[in-house]
Amino acid sequence: MAAKIRKGDKVVVLTGRDKGKTGEVTSVNPTDRRAIVAGVNLVKRHTRQSAKSEGGILSKEASVDLSNLAIADPKTGKPTRVGFKILDDGRKVRVAKRSGDLIDG
């Protein structure tokens, strides 16, 4: 099955403490059905000082379940479901159900 949410997509968070926030997907783990979205689900990590990095309390993104994310419609930016369409040249592309626009150009 083709992935509905991929790295680089603009997504909207549907539930949880970051509901309504938008961000870009930085990585997707399809086996665990989780994704990391820039600026969403920030957690504090206490880290020890090492040769590479300074210690202290760092803020970083934790993963979000894919069911809590929806792709932002290319036209309006509102959350939309994703459909698939096969173009005349044989390519399979993702389509926003809300507006009918292509998600991958």
C-alpha atoms as a PDB file:
ATOM      1  CA  MET A   1       0.000   0.000   0.000  1.00  0.00           C
ATOM      2  CA  ALA A   2       1.269   3.471  -0.812  1.00  0.00           C
ATOM      3  CA  ALA A   3       1.961   5.762   2.129  1.00  0.00           C
ATOM      4  CA  LYS A   4      -0.550   8.544   2.667  1.00  0.00           C
ATOM      5  CA  ILE A   5       1.815  10.652   4.794  1.00  0.00           C
ATOM      6  CA  ARG A   6       5.421  11.015   3.648  1.00  0.00           C
ATOM      7  CA  LYS A   7       8.534  12.946   4.639  1.00  0.00           C
ATOM      8  CA  GLY A   8       8.255  16.603   3.617  1.00  0.00           C
ATOM      9  CA  ASP A   9       4.436  16.750   3.758  1.00  0.00           C
ATOM     10  CA  LYS A  10       2.653  19.640   5.479  1.00  0.00           C
ATOM     11  CA  VAL A  11       0.353  18.133   8.101  1.00  0.00           C
ATOM     12  CA  VAL A  12      -2.201  19.302  10.681  1.00  0.00           C
ATOM     13  CA  VAL A  13      -2.422  17.729  14.160  1.00  0.00           C
ATOM     14  CA  LEU A  14      -5.986  16.521  14.816  1.00  0.00           C
ATOM     15  CA  THR A  15      -5.904  15.601  18.533  1.00  0.00           C
ATOM     16  CA  GLY A  16      -3.839  16.011  21.657  1.00  0.00           C
ATOM     17  CA  ARG A  17      -2.148  18.965  23.312  1.00  0.00           C
ATOM     18  CA  ASP A  18      -0.865  20.282  19.941  1.00  0.00           C
ATOM     19  CA  LYS A  19      -4.286  20.101  18.231  1.00  0.00           C
ATOM     20  CA  GLY A  20      -4.537  22.528  15.299  1.00  0.00           C
ATOM     21  CA  LYS A  21      -0.793  23.023  14.906  1.00  0.00           C
ATOM     22  CA  THR A  22       0.761  22.534  11.496  1.00  0.00           C
ATOM     23  CA  GLY A  23       4.249  21.440  10.598  1.00  0.00           C
ATOM     24  CA  GLU A  24       6.405  19.568   8.129  1.00  0.00           C
ATOM     25  CA  VAL A  25       7.023  15.836   8.536  1.00  0.00           C
ATOM     26  CA  THR A  26      10.741  15.278   9.134  1.00  0.00           C
ATOM     27  CA  SER A  27      10.627  11.478   9.341  1.00  0.00           C
ATOM     28  CA  VAL A  28       8.114   8.625   9.162  1.00  0.00           C
ATOM     29  CA  ASN A  29       8.321   5.166  10.736  1.00  0.00           C
ATOM     30  CA  PRO A  30       5.668   3.115   8.887  1.00  0.00           C
ATOM     31  CA  THR A  31       6.166  -0.084  10.916  1.00  0.00           C
ATOM     32  CA  ASP A  32       5.327   1.719  14.178  1.00  0.00           C
ATOM     33  CA  ARG A  33       2.811   4.008  12.406  1.00  0.00           C
ATOM     34  CA  ARG A  34       4.501   7.113  13.846  1.00  0.00           C
ATOM     35  CA  ALA A  35       5.939  10.337  12.421  1.00  0.00           C
ATOM     36  CA  ILE A  36       8.065  13.214  13.687  1.00  0.00           C
ATOM     37  CA  VAL A  37       6.681  16.670  12.838  1.00  0.00           C
ATOM     38  CA  ALA A  38       8.781  19.839  13.151  1.00  0.00           C
ATOM     39  CA  GLY A  39       7.656  22.027  16.071  1.00  0.00           C
ATOM     40  CA  VAL A  40       4.994  19.584  17.299  1.00  0.00           C
ATOM     41  CA  ASN A  41       4.947  17.360  20.429  1.00  0.00           C
ATOM     42  CA  LEU A  42       8.014  18.968  21.980  1.00  0.00           C
ATOM     43  CA  VAL A  43       9.467  17.148  25.004  1.00  0.00           C
ATOM     44  CA  LYS A  44      12.285  18.093  27.392  1.00  0.00           C
ATOM     45  CA  ARG A  45      15.294  15.802  27.592  1.00  0.00           C
ATOM     46  CA  HIS A  46      17.893  16.031  30.362  1.00  0.00           C
ATOM     47  CA  THR A  47      21.216  15.252  28.696  1.00  0.00           C
ATOM     48  CA  ARG A  48      24.668  14.725  30.134  1.00  0.00           C
ATOM     49  CA  GLN A  49      27.541  16.748  28.763  1.00  0.00           C
ATOM     50  CA  SER A  50      29.711  14.950  26.232  1.00  0.00           C
ATOM     51  CA  ALA A  51      32.603  15.816  23.946  1.00  0.00           C
ATOM     52  CA  LYS A  52      30.141  16.517  21.103  1.00  0.00           C
ATOM     53  CA  SER A  53      27.333  18.332  22.881  1.00  0.00           C
ATOM     54  CA  GLU A  54      26.786  20.533  25.881  1.00  0.00           C
ATOM     55  CA  GLY A  55      24.654  19.123  28.687  1.00  0.00           C
ATOM     56  CA  GLY A  56      21.429  20.554  30.066  1.00  0.00           C
ATOM     57  CA  ILE A  57      17.736  20.407  29.330  1.00  0.00           C
ATOM     58  CA  LEU A  58      17.147  20.165  25.582  1.00  0.00           C
ATOM     59  CA  SER A  59      13.818  20.431  23.792  1.00  0.00           C
ATOM     60  CA  LYS A  60      13.186  18.023  20.930  1.00  0.00           C
ATOM     61  CA  GLU A  61      10.293  16.602  18.925  1.00  0.00           C
ATOM     62  CA  ALA A  62       8.778  13.277  19.945  1.00  0.00           C
ATOM     63  CA  SER A  63       6.897  11.088  17.485  1.00  0.00           C
ATOM     64  CA  VAL A  64       3.158  11.417  16.841  1.00  0.00           C
ATOM     65  CA  ASP A  65       0.829   8.595  15.829  1.00  0.00           C
ATOM     66  CA  LEU A  66      -0.157   8.775  12.136  1.00  0.00           C
ATOM     67  CA  SER A  67      -3.846   8.539  13.068  1.00  0.00           C
ATOM     68  CA  ASN A  68      -3.524  11.932  14.807  1.00  0.00           C
ATOM     69  CA  LEU A  69      -2.225  13.646  11.655  1.00  0.00           C
ATOM     70  CA  ALA A  70      -3.970  14.793   8.479  1.00  0.00           C
ATOM     71  CA  ILE A  71      -2.407  16.249   5.358  1.00  0.00           C
ATOM     72  CA  ALA A  72      -2.997  19.975   4.932  1.00  0.00           C
ATOM     73  CA  ASP A  73      -4.981  20.749   1.777  1.00  0.00           C
ATOM     74  CA  PRO A  74      -2.703  22.445  -0.805  1.00  0.00           C
ATOM     75  CA  LYS A  75      -5.404  25.093  -1.537  1.00  0.00           C
ATOM     76  CA  THR A  76      -6.751  26.005   1.914  1.00  0.00           C
ATOM     77  CA  GLY A  77      -4.362  24.511   4.464  1.00  0.00           C
ATOM     78  CA  LYS A  78      -7.241  22.746   6.223  1.00  0.00           C
ATOM     79  CA  PRO A  79      -6.971  19.029   7.083  1.00  0.00           C
ATOM     80  CA  THR A  80      -7.986  16.667   4.289  1.00  0.00           C
ATOM     81  CA  ARG A  81      -8.156  12.970   3.574  1.00  0.00           C
ATOM     82  CA  VAL A  82      -5.977  11.470   0.870  1.00  0.00           C
ATOM     83  CA  GLY A  83      -7.016   9.564  -2.225  1.00  0.00           C
ATOM     84  CA  PHE A  84      -5.036   8.094  -5.092  1.00  0.00           C
ATOM     85  CA  LYS A  85      -5.321   8.675  -8.817  1.00  0.00           C
ATOM     86  CA  ILE A  86      -3.476   7.202 -11.776  1.00  0.00           C
ATOM     87  CA  LEU A  87      -2.526   9.832 -14.328  1.00  0.00           C
ATOM     88  CA  ASP A  88      -2.501   9.380 -18.114  1.00  0.00           C
ATOM     89  CA  ASP A  89       1.271   8.861 -18.086  1.00  0.00           C
ATOM     90  CA  GLY A  90       0.855   5.942 -15.640  1.00  0.00           C
ATOM     91  CA  ARG A  91       2.038   7.674 -12.463  1.00  0.00           C
ATOM     92  CA  LYS A  92       0.112   7.048  -9.237  1.00  0.00           C
ATOM     93  CA  VAL A  93      -0.316  10.323  -7.333  1.00  0.00           C
ATOM     94  CA  ARG A  94      -1.957  11.418  -4.081  1.00  0.00           C
ATOM     95  CA  VAL A  95      -5.028  13.661  -4.306  1.00  0.00           C
ATOM     96  CA  ALA A  96      -6.628  15.830  -1.605  1.00  0.00           C
ATOM     97  CA  LYS A  97     -10.240  14.714  -1.090  1.00  0.00           C
ATOM     98  CA  ARG A  98     -11.344  18.184   0.089  1.00  0.00           C
ATOM     99  CA  SER A  99     -10.288  20.182  -2.987  1.00  0.00           C
ATOM    100  CA  GLY A 100      -9.307  17.548  -5.556  1.00  0.00           C
ATOM    101  CA  ASP A 101      -5.799  19.045  -5.921  1.00  0.00           C
ATOM    102  CA  LEU A 102      -2.718  16.915  -6.453  1.00  0.00           C
ATOM    103  CA  ILE A 103      -0.536  16.577  -3.365  1.00  0.00           C
ATOM    104  CA  ASP A 104       2.582  15.347  -5.173  1.00  0.00           C
ATOM    105  CA  GLY A 105       3.234  17.405  -8.253  1.00  0.00           C
END
